[in-house]
PDB file of N, CA and C in Angstrom:
ATOM      1  N   UNK A   1     119.530 100.887 137.483  1.00  0.00           N
ATOM      2  CA  UNK A   1     118.257 100.273 137.056  1.00  0.00           C
ATOM      3  C   UNK A   1     118.023 100.689 135.642  1.00  0.00           C
ATOM      4  N   UNK A   2     117.555  99.639 134.799  1.00  0.00           N
ATOM      5  CA  UNK A   2     117.215  99.922 133.453  1.00  0.00           C
ATOM      6  C   UNK A   2     115.964 100.762 133.308  1.00  0.00           C
ATOM      7  N   UNK A   3     115.918 101.610 132.254  1.00  0.00           N
ATOM      8  CA  UNK A   3     114.778 102.352 131.960  1.00  0.00           C
ATOM      9  C   UNK A   3     113.527 101.548 131.644  1.00  0.00           C
ATOM     10  N   UNK A   4     112.335 101.840 132.197  1.00  0.00           N
ATOM     11  CA  UNK A   4     111.158 101.147 131.928  1.00  0.00           C
ATOM     12  C   UNK A   4     110.534 101.737 130.661  1.00  0.00           C
ATOM     13  N   UNK A   5     109.933 100.831 129.955  1.00  0.00           N
ATOM     14  CA  UNK A   5     109.162 101.253 128.725  1.00  0.00           C
ATOM     15  C   UNK A   5     107.754 101.644 129.165  1.00  0.00           C
ATOM     16  N   UNK A   6     107.219 102.675 128.536  1.00  0.00           N
ATOM     17  CA  UNK A   6     105.898 102.999 128.830  1.00  0.00           C
ATOM     18  C   UNK A   6     104.942 101.890 128.344  1.00  0.00           C
ATOM     19  N   UNK A   7     103.908 101.722 129.144  1.00  0.00           N
ATOM     20  CA  UNK A   7     102.852 100.713 128.822  1.00  0.00           C
ATOM     21  C   UNK A   7     102.148 101.110 127.575  1.00  0.00           C
ATOM     22  N   UNK A   8     101.928 100.241 126.652  1.00  0.00           N
ATOM     23  CA  UNK A   8     101.226 100.622 125.429  1.00  0.00           C
ATOM     24  C   UNK A   8      99.736 100.169 125.557  1.00  0.00           C
ATOM     25  N   UNK A   9      98.852 100.943 125.008  1.00  0.00           N
ATOM     26  CA  UNK A   9      97.407 100.716 125.039  1.00  0.00           C
ATOM     27  C   UNK A   9      97.125  99.450 124.203  1.00  0.00           C
ATOM     28  N   UNK A  10      96.220  98.694 124.510  1.00  0.00           N
ATOM     29  CA  UNK A  10      95.858  97.525 123.757  1.00  0.00           C
ATOM     30  C   UNK A  10      95.054  98.007 122.585  1.00  0.00           C
ATOM     31  N   UNK A  11      95.018  97.027 121.640  1.00  0.00           N
ATOM     32  CA  UNK A  11      94.192  97.234 120.429  1.00  0.00           C
ATOM     33  C   UNK A  11      92.869  97.576 120.746  1.00  0.00           C
ATOM     34  N   UNK A  12      92.163  98.512 120.007  1.00  0.00           N
ATOM     35  CA  UNK A  12      90.784  98.876 120.309  1.00  0.00           C
ATOM     36  C   UNK A  12      89.872  97.677 120.036  1.00  0.00           C
ATOM     37  N   UNK A  13      88.818  97.581 120.764  1.00  0.00           N
ATOM     38  CA  UNK A  13      87.793  96.559 120.603  1.00  0.00           C
ATOM     39  C   UNK A  13      87.360  96.522 119.088  1.00  0.00           C
ATOM     40  N   UNK A  14      86.852  95.407 118.615  1.00  0.00           N
ATOM     41  CA  UNK A  14      86.339  95.431 117.283  1.00  0.00           C
ATOM     42  C   UNK A  14      85.111  96.387 117.139  1.00  0.00           C
ATOM     43  N   UNK A  15      84.402  96.523 118.055  1.00  0.00           N
ATOM     44  CA  UNK A  15      83.230  97.477 117.819  1.00  0.00           C
ATOM     45  C   UNK A  15      83.718  98.916 117.715  1.00  0.00           C
ATOM     46  N   UNK A  16      84.767  99.287 118.554  1.00  0.00           N
ATOM     47  CA  UNK A  16      85.376 100.630 118.379  1.00  0.00           C
ATOM     48  C   UNK A  16      85.986 100.679 117.027  1.00  0.00           C
ATOM     49  N   UNK A  17      86.682  99.769 116.469  1.00  0.00           N
ATOM     50  CA  UNK A  17      87.344  99.707 115.216  1.00  0.00           C
ATOM     51  C   UNK A  17      86.190  99.818 114.100  1.00  0.00           C
ATOM     52  N   UNK A  18      85.160  99.079 114.137  1.00  0.00           N
ATOM     53  CA  UNK A  18      84.119  99.135 113.168  1.00  0.00           C
ATOM     54  C   UNK A  18      83.510 100.611 113.186  1.00  0.00           C
ATOM     55  N   UNK A  19      83.295 101.205 114.372  1.00  0.00           N
ATOM     56  CA  UNK A  19      82.864 102.570 114.463  1.00  0.00           C
ATOM     57  C   UNK A  19      83.714 103.474 113.797  1.00  0.00           C
ATOM     58  N   UNK A  20      85.018 103.431 113.906  1.00  0.00           N
ATOM     59  CA  UNK A  20      85.999 104.237 113.278  1.00  0.00           C
ATOM     60  C   UNK A  20      85.897 104.144 111.657  1.00  0.00           C
ATOM     61  N   UNK A  21      85.679 102.869 111.337  1.00  0.00           N
ATOM     62  CA  UNK A  21      85.634 102.593 109.828  1.00  0.00           C
ATOM     63  C   UNK A  21      84.357 103.332 109.326  1.00  0.00           C
ATOM     64  N   UNK A  22      83.248 103.185 110.066  1.00  0.00           N
ATOM     65  CA  UNK A  22      81.942 103.898 109.549  1.00  0.00           C
ATOM     66  C   UNK A  22      82.133 105.359 109.620  1.00  0.00           C
ATOM     67  N   UNK A  23      82.928 105.885 110.627  1.00  0.00           N
ATOM     68  CA  UNK A  23      83.015 107.303 110.622  1.00  0.00           C
ATOM     69  C   UNK A  23      83.853 107.744 109.449  1.00  0.00           C
ATOM     70  N   UNK A  24      84.957 107.008 109.173  1.00  0.00           N
ATOM     71  CA  UNK A  24      85.828 107.408 108.092  1.00  0.00           C
ATOM     72  C   UNK A  24      85.065 107.381 106.727  1.00  0.00           C
ATOM     73  N   UNK A  25      84.204 106.363 106.620  1.00  0.00           N
ATOM     74  CA  UNK A  25      83.425 106.237 105.385  1.00  0.00           C
ATOM     75  C   UNK A  25      82.500 107.362 105.316  1.00  0.00           C
ATOM     76  N   UNK A  26      81.870 107.844 106.442  1.00  0.00           N
ATOM     77  CA  UNK A  26      80.896 108.853 106.337  1.00  0.00           C
ATOM     78  C   UNK A  26      81.631 110.182 105.907  1.00  0.00           C
ATOM     79  N   UNK A  27      82.832 110.415 106.489  1.00  0.00           N
ATOM     80  CA  UNK A  27      83.515 111.533 106.059  1.00  0.00           C
ATOM     81  C   UNK A  27      83.912 111.631 104.588  1.00  0.00           C
ATOM     82  N   UNK A  28      84.384 110.370 104.152  1.00  0.00           N
ATOM     83  CA  UNK A  28      84.749 110.277 102.764  1.00  0.00           C
ATOM     84  C   UNK A  28      83.533 110.514 101.826  1.00  0.00           C
ATOM     85  N   UNK A  29      82.470 109.959 102.212  1.00  0.00           N
ATOM     86  CA  UNK A  29      81.194 110.055 101.448  1.00  0.00           C
ATOM     87  C   UNK A  29      80.834 111.535 101.301  1.00  0.00           C
ATOM     88  N   UNK A  30      80.928 112.176 102.480  1.00  0.00           N
ATOM     89  CA  UNK A  30      80.440 113.632 102.337  1.00  0.00           C
ATOM     90  C   UNK A  30      81.424 114.532 101.603  1.00  0.00           C
ATOM     91  N   UNK A  31      82.776 114.120 101.550  1.00  0.00           N
ATOM     92  CA  UNK A  31      83.651 114.829 100.738  1.00  0.00           C
ATOM     93  C   UNK A  31      83.269 114.544  99.229  1.00  0.00           C
ATOM     94  N   UNK A  32      82.984 113.388  98.844  1.00  0.00           N
ATOM     95  CA  UNK A  32      82.565 112.932  97.438  1.00  0.00           C
ATOM     96  C   UNK A  32      81.258 113.600  97.025  1.00  0.00           C
ATOM     97  N   UNK A  33      80.360 113.535  97.889  1.00  0.00           N
ATOM     98  CA  UNK A  33      78.965 114.204  97.569  1.00  0.00           C
ATOM     99  C   UNK A  33      79.129 115.754  97.485  1.00  0.00           C
ATOM    100  N   UNK A  34      79.904 116.330  98.337  1.00  0.00           N
ATOM    101  CA  UNK A  34      80.171 117.711  98.261  1.00  0.00           C
ATOM    102  C   UNK A  34      80.811 118.159  96.959  1.00  0.00           C
ATOM    103  N   UNK A  35      81.833 117.381  96.620  1.00  0.00           N
ATOM    104  CA  UNK A  35      82.556 117.631  95.313  1.00  0.00           C
ATOM    105  C   UNK A  35      81.606 117.366  94.059  1.00  0.00           C
ATOM    106  N   UNK A  36      80.751 116.472  94.156  1.00  0.00           N
ATOM    107  CA  UNK A  36      79.772 116.129  93.198  1.00  0.00           C
ATOM    108  C   UNK A  36      78.750 117.330  93.003  1.00  0.00           C
ATOM    109  N   UNK A  37      78.376 117.750  94.097  1.00  0.00           N
ATOM    110  CA  UNK A  37      77.487 118.922  94.175  1.00  0.00           C
ATOM    111  C   UNK A  37      78.046 120.182  93.575  1.00  0.00           C
ATOM    112  N   UNK A  38      79.282 120.423  94.003  1.00  0.00           N
ATOM    113  CA  UNK A  38      79.983 121.580  93.429  1.00  0.00           C
ATOM    114  C   UNK A  38      80.194 121.487  92.007  1.00  0.00           C
ATOM    115  N   UNK A  39      80.520 120.342  91.475  1.00  0.00           N
ATOM    116  CA  UNK A  39      80.784 119.978  90.110  1.00  0.00           C
ATOM    117  C   UNK A  39      79.376 120.260  89.269  1.00  0.00           C
ATOM    118  N   UNK A  40      78.266 119.797  89.966  1.00  0.00           N
ATOM    119  CA  UNK A  40      77.057 119.890  89.178  1.00  0.00           C
ATOM    120  C   UNK A  40      76.634 121.349  89.070  1.00  0.00           C
ATOM    121  N   UNK A  41      76.853 122.134  90.214  1.00  0.00           N
ATOM    122  CA  UNK A  41      76.540 123.540  90.156  1.00  0.00           C
ATOM    123  C   UNK A  41      77.440 124.270  89.260  1.00  0.00           C
ATOM    124  N   UNK A  42      78.644 123.937  89.125  1.00  0.00           N
ATOM    125  CA  UNK A  42      79.654 124.582  88.241  1.00  0.00           C
ATOM    126  C   UNK A  42      79.275 124.375  86.838  1.00  0.00           C
ATOM    127  N   UNK A  43      78.873 123.147  86.460  1.00  0.00           N
ATOM    128  CA  UNK A  43      78.552 122.912  85.117  1.00  0.00           C
ATOM    129  C   UNK A  43      77.243 123.481  84.687  1.00  0.00           C
ATOM    130  N   UNK A  44      76.437 123.564  85.645  1.00  0.00           N
ATOM    131  CA  UNK A  44      75.128 124.315  85.421  1.00  0.00           C
ATOM    132  C   UNK A  44      75.219 125.713  85.279  1.00  0.00           C
ATOM    133  N   UNK A  45      75.983 126.341  86.147  1.00  0.00           N
ATOM    134  CA  UNK A  45      76.206 127.848  86.137  1.00  0.00           C
ATOM    135  C   UNK A  45      77.090 128.278  85.037  1.00  0.00           C
ATOM    136  N   UNK A  46      78.230 127.592  84.851  1.00  0.00           N
ATOM    137  CA  UNK A  46      79.344 128.013  83.916  1.00  0.00           C
ATOM    138  C   UNK A  46      79.107 127.614  82.495  1.00  0.00           C
ATOM    139  N   UNK A  47      78.771 126.240  82.389  1.00  0.00           N
ATOM    140  CA  UNK A  47      78.649 125.637  81.081  1.00  0.00           C
ATOM    141  C   UNK A  47      77.195 125.756  80.544  1.00  0.00           C
ATOM    142  N   UNK A  48      76.331 126.241  81.417  1.00  0.00           N
ATOM    143  CA  UNK A  48      74.935 126.377  81.030  1.00  0.00           C
ATOM    144  C   UNK A  48      74.157 124.941  80.685  1.00  0.00           C
ATOM    145  N   UNK A  49      74.659 123.993  81.333  1.00  0.00           N
ATOM    146  CA  UNK A  49      74.107 122.562  81.124  1.00  0.00           C
ATOM    147  C   UNK A  49      72.783 122.537  81.935  1.00  0.00           C
ATOM    148  N   UNK A  50      71.885 121.675  81.490  1.00  0.00           N
ATOM    149  CA  UNK A  50      70.646 121.284  82.300  1.00  0.00           C
ATOM    150  C   UNK A  50      71.195 120.571  83.654  1.00  0.00           C
ATOM    151  N   UNK A  51      70.417 120.504  84.565  1.00  0.00           N
ATOM    152  CA  UNK A  51      70.715 120.070  85.888  1.00  0.00           C
ATOM    153  C   UNK A  51      71.203 118.589  85.740  1.00  0.00           C
ATOM    154  N   UNK A  52      70.320 117.872  85.038  1.00  0.00           N
ATOM    155  CA  UNK A  52      70.688 116.382  85.002  1.00  0.00           C
ATOM    156  C   UNK A  52      71.921 116.158  84.191  1.00  0.00           C
ATOM    157  N   UNK A  53      72.062 117.005  82.986  1.00  0.00           N
ATOM    158  CA  UNK A  53      73.239 116.817  82.262  1.00  0.00           C
ATOM    159  C   UNK A  53      74.541 117.245  82.999  1.00  0.00           C
ATOM    160  N   UNK A  54      74.369 118.357  83.867  1.00  0.00           N
ATOM    161  CA  UNK A  54      75.498 118.802  84.651  1.00  0.00           C
ATOM    162  C   UNK A  54      75.935 117.679  85.754  1.00  0.00           C
ATOM    163  N   UNK A  55      74.893 117.021  86.314  1.00  0.00           N
ATOM    164  CA  UNK A  55      75.183 115.956  87.283  1.00  0.00           C
ATOM    165  C   UNK A  55      75.850 114.845  86.609  1.00  0.00           C
ATOM    166  N   UNK A  56      75.313 114.505  85.386  1.00  0.00           N
ATOM    167  CA  UNK A  56      75.898 113.404  84.571  1.00  0.00           C
ATOM    168  C   UNK A  56      77.327 113.598  84.332  1.00  0.00           C
ATOM    169  N   UNK A  57      77.657 114.849  83.851  1.00  0.00           N
ATOM    170  CA  UNK A  57      79.005 115.247  83.421  1.00  0.00           C
ATOM    171  C   UNK A  57      79.947 115.243  84.744  1.00  0.00           C
ATOM    172  N   UNK A  58      79.459 115.721  85.832  1.00  0.00           N
ATOM    173  CA  UNK A  58      80.194 115.788  87.019  1.00  0.00           C
ATOM    174  C   UNK A  58      80.503 114.318  87.540  1.00  0.00           C
ATOM    175  N   UNK A  59      79.494 113.399  87.449  1.00  0.00           N
ATOM    176  CA  UNK A  59      79.753 112.005  87.959  1.00  0.00           C
ATOM    177  C   UNK A  59      80.665 111.332  86.990  1.00  0.00           C
ATOM    178  N   UNK A  60      80.642 111.526  85.680  1.00  0.00           N
ATOM    179  CA  UNK A  60      81.581 111.014  84.762  1.00  0.00           C
ATOM    180  C   UNK A  60      82.931 111.497  84.944  1.00  0.00           C
ATOM    181  N   UNK A  61      83.137 112.709  85.260  1.00  0.00           N
ATOM    182  CA  UNK A  61      84.485 113.209  85.477  1.00  0.00           C
ATOM    183  C   UNK A  61      85.053 112.738  86.773  1.00  0.00           C
ATOM    184  N   UNK A  62      84.142 112.648  87.791  1.00  0.00           N
ATOM    185  CA  UNK A  62      84.664 112.216  89.029  1.00  0.00           C
ATOM    186  C   UNK A  62      84.988 110.689  89.050  1.00  0.00           C
ATOM    187  N   UNK A  63      84.252 109.926  88.349  1.00  0.00           N
ATOM    188  CA  UNK A  63      84.537 108.461  88.271  1.00  0.00           C
ATOM    189  C   UNK A  63      85.704 108.131  87.473  1.00  0.00           C
ATOM    190  N   UNK A  64      86.241 109.126  86.694  1.00  0.00           N
ATOM    191  CA  UNK A  64      87.307 108.912  85.843  1.00  0.00           C
ATOM    192  C   UNK A  64      86.956 108.359  84.326  1.00  0.00           C
ATOM    193  N   UNK A  65      85.593 108.271  84.042  1.00  0.00           N
ATOM    194  CA  UNK A  65      85.143 107.916  82.830  1.00  0.00           C
ATOM    195  C   UNK A  65      85.412 108.952  81.700  1.00  0.00           C
ATOM    196  N   UNK A  66      85.636 110.079  82.094  1.00  0.00           N
ATOM    197  CA  UNK A  66      85.888 111.125  81.072  1.00  0.00           C
ATOM    198  C   UNK A  66      84.657 111.989  80.794  1.00  0.00           C
ATOM    199  N   UNK A  67      84.846 113.043  80.001  1.00  0.00           N
ATOM    200  CA  UNK A  67      83.808 114.048  79.813  1.00  0.00           C
ATOM    201  C   UNK A  67      82.650 113.401  78.832  1.00  0.00           C
ATOM    202  N   UNK A  68      81.453 113.860  79.055  1.00  0.00           N
ATOM    203  CA  UNK A  68      80.299 113.487  78.247  1.00  0.00           C
ATOM    204  C   UNK A  68      80.278 114.258  77.022  1.00  0.00           C
ATOM    205  N   UNK A  69      80.313 115.492  77.089  1.00  0.00           N
ATOM    206  CA  UNK A  69      80.203 116.287  75.853  1.00  0.00           C
ATOM    207  C   UNK A  69      80.878 117.719  76.124  1.00  0.00           C
ATOM    208  N   UNK A  70      81.795 118.115  75.273  1.00  0.00           N
ATOM    209  CA  UNK A  70      82.499 119.354  75.447  1.00  0.00           C
ATOM    210  C   UNK A  70      82.132 120.262  74.286  1.00  0.00           C
ATOM    211  N   UNK A  71      81.417 119.828  73.324  1.00  0.00           N
ATOM    212  CA  UNK A  71      81.122 120.731  72.182  1.00  0.00           C
ATOM    213  C   UNK A  71      80.302 121.906  72.569  1.00  0.00           C
ATOM    214  N   UNK A  72      80.739 123.037  72.093  1.00  0.00           N
ATOM    215  CA  UNK A  72      80.041 124.249  72.471  1.00  0.00           C
ATOM    216  C   UNK A  72      80.427 124.776  73.819  1.00  0.00           C
ATOM    217  N   UNK A  73      81.414 124.243  74.653  1.00  0.00           N
ATOM    218  CA  UNK A  73      81.865 124.738  75.820  1.00  0.00           C
ATOM    219  C   UNK A  73      82.579 126.104  75.587  1.00  0.00           C
ATOM    220  N   UNK A  74      82.321 127.113  76.441  1.00  0.00           N
ATOM    221  CA  UNK A  74      83.052 128.330  76.236  1.00  0.00           C
ATOM    222  C   UNK A  74      84.480 128.057  76.936  1.00  0.00           C
ATOM    223  N   UNK A  75      85.308 129.171  76.835  1.00  0.00           N
ATOM    224  CA  UNK A  75      86.671 129.061  77.362  1.00  0.00           C
ATOM    225  C   UNK A  75      86.520 128.837  78.955  1.00  0.00           C
ATOM    226  N   UNK A  76      85.574 129.702  79.467  1.00  0.00           N
ATOM    227  CA  UNK A  76      85.510 129.432  80.999  1.00  0.00           C
ATOM    228  C   UNK A  76      84.887 128.131  81.356  1.00  0.00           C
ATOM    229  N   UNK A  77      84.047 127.488  80.676  1.00  0.00           N
ATOM    230  CA  UNK A  77      83.567 126.155  80.921  1.00  0.00           C
ATOM    231  C   UNK A  77      84.678 125.141  80.731  1.00  0.00           C
ATOM    232  N   UNK A  78      85.517 125.273  79.664  1.00  0.00           N
ATOM    233  CA  UNK A  78      86.585 124.407  79.573  1.00  0.00           C
ATOM    234  C   UNK A  78      87.752 124.463  80.682  1.00  0.00           C
ATOM    235  N   UNK A  79      87.897 125.703  81.110  1.00  0.00           N
ATOM    236  CA  UNK A  79      88.643 125.878  82.187  1.00  0.00           C
ATOM    237  C   UNK A  79      88.162 125.187  83.543  1.00  0.00           C
ATOM    238  N   UNK A  80      86.848 125.431  83.764  1.00  0.00           N
ATOM    239  CA  UNK A  80      86.237 124.767  84.895  1.00  0.00           C
ATOM    240  C   UNK A  80      86.288 123.192  84.781  1.00  0.00           C
ATOM    241  N   UNK A  81      86.053 122.708  83.480  1.00  0.00           N
ATOM    242  CA  UNK A  81      86.138 121.255  83.313  1.00  0.00           C
ATOM    243  C   UNK A  81      87.561 120.818  83.648  1.00  0.00           C
ATOM    244  N   UNK A  82      88.535 121.522  83.233  1.00  0.00           N
ATOM    245  CA  UNK A  82      89.943 121.078  83.473  1.00  0.00           C
ATOM    246  C   UNK A  82      90.229 121.072  84.914  1.00  0.00           C
ATOM    247  N   UNK A  83      89.992 122.217  85.643  1.00  0.00           N
ATOM    248  CA  UNK A  83      90.372 122.156  87.057  1.00  0.00           C
ATOM    249  C   UNK A  83      89.442 121.257  87.887  1.00  0.00           C
ATOM    250  N   UNK A  84      88.158 121.186  87.444  1.00  0.00           N
ATOM    251  CA  UNK A  84      87.382 120.187  88.262  1.00  0.00           C
ATOM    252  C   UNK A  84      87.988 118.755  88.051  1.00  0.00           C
ATOM    253  N   UNK A  85      88.347 118.317  86.940  1.00  0.00           N
ATOM    254  CA  UNK A  85      88.975 116.948  86.742  1.00  0.00           C
ATOM    255  C   UNK A  85      90.116 116.907  87.570  1.00  0.00           C
ATOM    256  N   UNK A  86      91.147 117.869  87.547  1.00  0.00           N
ATOM    257  CA  UNK A  86      92.256 117.751  88.494  1.00  0.00           C
ATOM    258  C   UNK A  86      91.755 117.642  89.936  1.00  0.00           C
ATOM    259  N   UNK A  87      90.766 118.459  90.400  1.00  0.00           N
ATOM    260  CA  UNK A  87      90.471 118.502  91.751  1.00  0.00           C
ATOM    261  C   UNK A  87      89.775 117.083  92.136  1.00  0.00           C
ATOM    262  N   UNK A  88      89.121 116.583  91.112  1.00  0.00           N
ATOM    263  CA  UNK A  88      88.422 115.205  91.390  1.00  0.00           C
ATOM    264  C   UNK A  88      89.596 114.082  91.652  1.00  0.00           C
ATOM    265  N   UNK A  89      90.728 114.143  90.807  1.00  0.00           N
ATOM    266  CA  UNK A  89      91.688 113.363  91.240  1.00  0.00           C
ATOM    267  C   UNK A  89      92.241 113.390  92.569  1.00  0.00           C
ATOM    268  N   UNK A  90      92.462 114.612  92.963  1.00  0.00           N
ATOM    269  CA  UNK A  90      92.853 114.787  94.381  1.00  0.00           C
ATOM    270  C   UNK A  90      91.938 114.257  95.316  1.00  0.00           C
ATOM    271  N   UNK A  91      90.648 114.550  95.212  1.00  0.00           N
ATOM    272  CA  UNK A  91      89.564 114.153  96.073  1.00  0.00           C
ATOM    273  C   UNK A  91      89.521 112.498  96.168  1.00  0.00           C
ATOM    274  N   UNK A  92      89.802 111.911  95.028  1.00  0.00           N
ATOM    275  CA  UNK A  92      89.783 110.485  94.972  1.00  0.00           C
ATOM    276  C   UNK A  92      90.937 109.923  95.827  1.00  0.00           C
ATOM    277  N   UNK A  93      92.148 110.568  95.876  1.00  0.00           N
ATOM    278  CA  UNK A  93      93.232 110.080  96.704  1.00  0.00           C
ATOM    279  C   UNK A  93      92.997 110.441  98.141  1.00  0.00           C
ATOM    280  N   UNK A  94      92.431 111.547  98.315  1.00  0.00           N
ATOM    281  CA  UNK A  94      92.210 112.003  99.850  1.00  0.00           C
ATOM    282  C   UNK A  94      91.035 111.045 100.434  1.00  0.00           C
ATOM    283  N   UNK A  95      89.984 110.920  99.613  1.00  0.00           N
ATOM    284  CA  UNK A  95      88.793 109.977 100.178  1.00  0.00           C
ATOM    285  C   UNK A  95      89.391 108.670 100.418  1.00  0.00           C
ATOM    286  N   UNK A  96      90.182 108.074  99.544  1.00  0.00           N
ATOM    287  CA  UNK A  96      90.713 106.715  99.711  1.00  0.00           C
ATOM    288  C   UNK A  96      91.648 106.629 100.989  1.00  0.00           C
ATOM    289  N   UNK A  97      92.403 107.767 101.149  1.00  0.00           N
ATOM    290  CA  UNK A  97      93.183 107.622 102.388  1.00  0.00           C
ATOM    291  C   UNK A  97      92.505 107.797 103.591  1.00  0.00           C
ATOM    292  N   UNK A  98      91.342 108.583 103.656  1.00  0.00           N
ATOM    293  CA  UNK A  98      90.489 108.649 104.726  1.00  0.00           C
ATOM    294  C   UNK A  98      89.867 107.345 105.112  1.00  0.00           C
ATOM    295  N   UNK A  99      89.435 106.626 104.102  1.00  0.00           N
ATOM    296  CA  UNK A  99      88.772 105.364 104.313  1.00  0.00           C
ATOM    297  C   UNK A  99      89.744 104.318 104.916  1.00  0.00           C
ATOM    298  N   UNK A 100      90.980 104.246 104.357  1.00  0.00           N
ATOM    299  CA  UNK A 100      91.961 103.212 104.692  1.00  0.00           C
ATOM    300  C   UNK A 100      92.717 103.660 106.052  1.00  0.00           C
ATOM    301  N   UNK A 101      92.629 104.842 106.447  1.00  0.00           N
ATOM    302  CA  UNK A 101      93.460 105.325 107.605  1.00  0.00           C
ATOM    303  C   UNK A 101      93.191 104.403 108.860  1.00  0.00           C
ATOM    304  N   UNK A 102      92.045 104.131 109.178  1.00  0.00           N
ATOM    305  CA  UNK A 102      91.724 103.325 110.454  1.00  0.00           C
ATOM    306  C   UNK A 102      92.400 101.859 110.304  1.00  0.00           C
ATOM    307  N   UNK A 103      92.246 101.384 109.108  1.00  0.00           N
ATOM    308  CA  UNK A 103      92.878  99.980 108.902  1.00  0.00           C
ATOM    309  C   UNK A 103      94.298 100.056 109.004  1.00  0.00           C
ATOM    310  N   UNK A 104      94.996 101.025 108.325  1.00  0.00           N
ATOM    311  CA  UNK A 104      96.444 101.165 108.399  1.00  0.00           C
ATOM    312  C   UNK A 104      96.919 101.510 109.813  1.00  0.00           C
ATOM    313  N   UNK A 105      96.197 102.305 110.534  1.00  0.00           N
ATOM    314  CA  UNK A 105      96.451 102.657 111.968  1.00  0.00           C
ATOM    315  C   UNK A 105      96.350 101.346 112.863  1.00  0.00           C
ATOM    316  N   UNK A 106      95.347 100.550 112.707  1.00  0.00           N
ATOM    317  CA  UNK A 106      95.272  99.235 113.412  1.00  0.00           C
ATOM    318  C   UNK A 106      96.448  98.244 113.128  1.00  0.00           C
ATOM    319  N   UNK A 107      96.783  98.176 111.874  1.00  0.00           N
ATOM    320  CA  UNK A 107      97.897  97.327 111.540  1.00  0.00           C
ATOM    321  C   UNK A 107      99.158  97.800 112.144  1.00  0.00           C
ATOM    322  N   UNK A 108      99.520  99.100 111.977  1.00  0.00           N
ATOM    323  CA  UNK A 108     100.695  99.579 112.615  1.00  0.00           C
ATOM    324  C   UNK A 108     100.752  99.413 114.165  1.00  0.00           C
ATOM    325  N   UNK A 109      99.546  99.576 114.689  1.00  0.00           N
ATOM    326  CA  UNK A 109      99.476  99.551 116.169  1.00  0.00           C
ATOM    327  C   UNK A 109      99.771  98.039 116.565  1.00  0.00           C
ATOM    328  N   UNK A 110      99.222  97.072 115.851  1.00  0.00           N
ATOM    329  CA  UNK A 110      99.469  95.716 116.054  1.00  0.00           C
ATOM    330  C   UNK A 110     100.912  95.297 116.017  1.00  0.00           C
ATOM    331  N   UNK A 111     101.554  95.817 114.964  1.00  0.00           N
ATOM    332  CA  UNK A 111     102.967  95.587 114.756  1.00  0.00           C
ATOM    333  C   UNK A 111     103.767  96.208 115.912  1.00  0.00           C
ATOM    334  N   UNK A 112     103.410  97.398 116.394  1.00  0.00           N
ATOM    335  CA  UNK A 112     104.149  98.100 117.534  1.00  0.00           C
ATOM    336  C   UNK A 112     103.818  97.263 118.760  1.00  0.00           C
ATOM    337  N   UNK A 113     102.645  96.634 119.001  1.00  0.00           N
ATOM    338  CA  UNK A 113     102.427  95.921 120.160  1.00  0.00           C
ATOM    339  C   UNK A 113     103.232  94.593 120.121  1.00  0.00           C
ATOM    340  N   UNK A 114     103.379  94.026 118.951  1.00  0.00           N
ATOM    341  CA  UNK A 114     104.274  92.886 118.807  1.00  0.00           C
ATOM    342  C   UNK A 114     105.750  93.121 119.069  1.00  0.00           C
ATOM    343  N   UNK A 115     106.160  94.182 118.586  1.00  0.00           N
ATOM    344  CA  UNK A 115     107.559  94.612 118.831  1.00  0.00           C
ATOM    345  C   UNK A 115     107.900  94.784 120.306  1.00  0.00           C
ATOM    346  N   UNK A 116     106.902  95.562 120.983  1.00  0.00           N
ATOM    347  CA  UNK A 116     107.091  95.826 122.336  1.00  0.00           C
ATOM    348  C   UNK A 116     107.100  94.472 123.098  1.00  0.00           C
ATOM    349  N   UNK A 117     106.337  93.520 122.694  1.00  0.00           N
ATOM    350  CA  UNK A 117     106.319  92.308 123.470  1.00  0.00           C
ATOM    351  C   UNK A 117     107.513  91.380 123.296  1.00  0.00           C
ATOM    352  N   UNK A 118     108.256  91.694 122.278  1.00  0.00           N
ATOM    353  CA  UNK A 118     109.477  90.761 122.014  1.00  0.00           C
ATOM    354  C   UNK A 118     110.633  91.247 122.810  1.00  0.00           C
ATOM    355  N   UNK A 119     110.597  92.451 123.320  1.00  0.00           N
ATOM    356  CA  UNK A 119     111.746  92.867 124.116  1.00  0.00           C
ATOM    357  C   UNK A 119     111.503  92.605 125.556  1.00  0.00           C
TER     358      UNK A 119
END
């Protein structure tokens, strides 16, 4: 008797999929907002910037636009600026992966179901 293949679960309903997209977007947004808050606090505390300037600097670094103003930065502030920029690059990659994970999962699941139906 030939071995039987396990039964595959069908694709999730569109409403379930949309819920997963929203959840992923929320997690990604929380990660970005937390990173922006940490950067704002760091620039305020380490570089001595005003809150609005610290937020502006954090947002520019996080968006990839580059620093607003580095004149008068201490060595500690320059180190924070450098590590924050590197960290923001990682956060960008991670948050993009979190947002696209449900889409990629659905595509791969659909291909798997098609392959199982061919045999």
